[in-house]
Amino acid sequence: RLSLREITKVNCLLVKKLLSIFYKGKISLKKPNDLLINNKKVSGILQETFYKAGKTFIIVGVGVNLVKSPNIKNYPSTNLLELTNIKINSYKAALKLKNIYEKFIPIFPKFNTKNISSI
């Protein structure tokens, strides 16, 4: 069973896989839940756990700067339009991310964090 920290890393790597479809350069992780390109935030992930009927659930929220960059004091940000000169449709990006998660779900029960780079 993965810890919340390990699940956070998995989610970051799955979103990184999405970003790498559009951007071919280096994408780095900034713990615990941000993805950076050129030391600028391009994506962030929020997770929340809750308990119901004796079961644990997790909600994952993913934000990707497709065409705009938020102005965050002391934290530079960027967007994929600025980096690639391609305006990425949010619906198509969401569909690609959904497909990435759907391919990962069958291996999740057998997943070992030692092999995390194989995602």
Protein backbone atom coordinates (compact mmCIF):
# COMPACT_ATOMS: atom_id res chain seq x y z
CA ARG A 1 0.00 0.00 0.00
CA LEU A 2 1.44 3.36 -1.05
CA SER A 3 1.68 6.26 1.35
CA LEU A 4 0.10 9.62 0.50
CA ARG A 5 3.60 10.96 -0.21
CA GLU A 6 4.24 8.13 -2.68
CA ILE A 7 0.85 8.69 -4.33
CA THR A 8 1.73 12.38 -4.69
CA LYS A 9 4.93 11.41 -6.50
CA VAL A 10 3.03 9.02 -8.77
CA ASN A 11 0.53 11.77 -9.64
CA CYS A 12 3.38 14.17 -10.41
CA LEU A 13 4.97 11.62 -12.73
CA LEU A 14 1.69 10.95 -14.52
CA VAL A 15 1.16 14.69 -15.08
CA LYS A 16 4.80 14.97 -16.19
CA LYS A 17 4.01 12.33 -18.81
CA LEU A 18 1.19 14.56 -20.07
CA LEU A 19 3.43 17.64 -20.19
CA SER A 20 6.09 15.70 -22.10
CA ILE A 21 3.60 15.11 -24.92
CA PHE A 22 3.59 18.86 -25.59
CA TYR A 23 7.01 19.95 -24.35
CA LYS A 24 10.16 18.02 -25.24
CA GLY A 25 12.59 19.74 -22.85
CA LYS A 26 13.41 19.03 -19.21
CA ILE A 27 10.50 18.94 -16.77
CA SER A 28 11.42 18.78 -13.10
CA LEU A 29 9.51 18.00 -9.93
CA LYS A 30 9.50 20.41 -7.00
CA LYS A 31 8.38 18.59 -3.89
CA PRO A 32 5.81 17.98 -2.87
CA ASN A 33 3.49 18.65 -5.81
CA ASP A 34 4.68 21.12 -8.47
CA LEU A 35 6.15 20.60 -11.92
CA LEU A 36 8.65 23.11 -13.28
CA ILE A 37 10.06 24.00 -16.67
CA ASN A 38 13.06 26.34 -16.69
CA ASN A 39 12.58 26.73 -12.91
CA LYS A 40 9.08 28.12 -13.46
CA LYS A 41 5.89 26.47 -12.26
CA VAL A 42 3.83 25.01 -15.08
CA SER A 43 1.64 22.62 -13.09
CA GLY A 44 0.49 21.88 -9.57
CA ILE A 45 -1.34 18.99 -7.98
CA LEU A 46 -3.57 19.08 -4.92
CA GLN A 47 -4.71 15.95 -3.10
CA GLU A 48 -7.19 15.47 -0.34
CA THR A 49 -8.13 12.32 1.48
CA PHE A 50 -11.45 11.65 3.13
CA TYR A 51 -13.06 8.71 4.87
CA LYS A 52 -16.54 7.37 4.30
CA ALA A 53 -18.14 4.11 5.36
CA GLY A 54 -14.82 2.83 6.69
CA LYS A 55 -12.99 3.41 3.40
CA THR A 56 -10.32 5.91 2.46
CA PHE A 57 -10.73 7.97 -0.70
CA ILE A 58 -8.43 10.45 -2.38
CA ILE A 59 -9.40 13.37 -4.60
CA VAL A 60 -6.70 14.60 -6.95
CA GLY A 61 -6.85 18.05 -8.53
CA VAL A 62 -4.48 18.85 -11.38
CA GLY A 63 -3.77 22.32 -12.69
CA VAL A 64 -1.75 22.84 -15.85
CA ASN A 65 -0.93 26.28 -17.22
CA LEU A 66 -1.91 25.78 -20.84
CA VAL A 67 -2.29 29.37 -22.09
CA LYS A 68 -1.88 31.64 -19.05
CA SER A 69 0.46 31.86 -16.09
CA PRO A 70 -0.70 32.95 -12.66
CA ASN A 71 1.16 35.83 -11.07
CA ILE A 72 2.49 34.29 -7.85
CA LYS A 73 4.68 36.51 -5.70
CA ASN A 74 8.23 35.12 -5.42
CA TYR A 75 7.33 32.05 -7.51
CA PRO A 76 7.77 32.46 -11.27
CA SER A 77 5.38 30.57 -13.51
CA THR A 78 5.09 29.74 -17.19
CA ASN A 79 2.62 28.11 -19.57
CA LEU A 80 2.76 25.71 -22.48
CA LEU A 81 1.67 28.34 -25.03
CA GLU A 82 4.63 30.51 -24.04
CA LEU A 83 6.99 27.52 -24.24
CA THR A 84 5.74 25.87 -27.44
CA ASN A 85 3.83 28.59 -29.36
CA ILE A 86 0.98 26.07 -29.59
CA LYS A 87 -2.41 26.81 -28.03
CA ILE A 88 -3.40 23.53 -26.43
CA ASN A 89 -7.09 22.76 -26.16
CA SER A 90 -8.02 22.10 -22.52
CA TYR A 91 -10.48 19.35 -23.44
CA LYS A 92 -7.85 17.49 -25.48
CA ALA A 93 -5.28 17.87 -22.69
CA ALA A 94 -7.78 16.54 -20.13
CA LEU A 95 -8.58 13.59 -22.40
CA LYS A 96 -4.88 12.78 -22.79
CA LEU A 97 -4.42 12.92 -19.00
CA LYS A 98 -7.45 10.66 -18.52
CA ASN A 99 -5.90 8.16 -20.95
CA ILE A 100 -2.58 8.26 -19.07
CA TYR A 101 -4.36 7.50 -15.78
CA GLU A 102 -6.45 4.74 -17.37
CA LYS A 103 -3.29 3.01 -18.64
CA PHE A 104 -1.71 3.27 -15.19
CA ILE A 105 -4.68 2.04 -13.10
CA PRO A 106 -4.32 -1.68 -14.02
CA ILE A 107 -0.70 -1.75 -12.82
CA PHE A 108 -1.36 0.34 -9.69
CA PRO A 109 -2.05 -2.63 -7.35
CA LYS A 110 1.30 -4.20 -8.32
CA PHE A 111 3.12 -0.88 -8.42
CA ASN A 112 6.38 -0.58 -6.50
CA THR A 113 7.82 2.87 -5.79
CA LYS A 114 11.29 1.50 -6.50
CA ASN A 115 10.18 1.29 -10.13
CA ILE A 116 8.55 4.73 -10.12
CA SER A 117 10.63 5.99 -13.03
CA SER A 118 9.06 3.35 -15.27
CA ILE A 119 5.74 5.20 -15.46
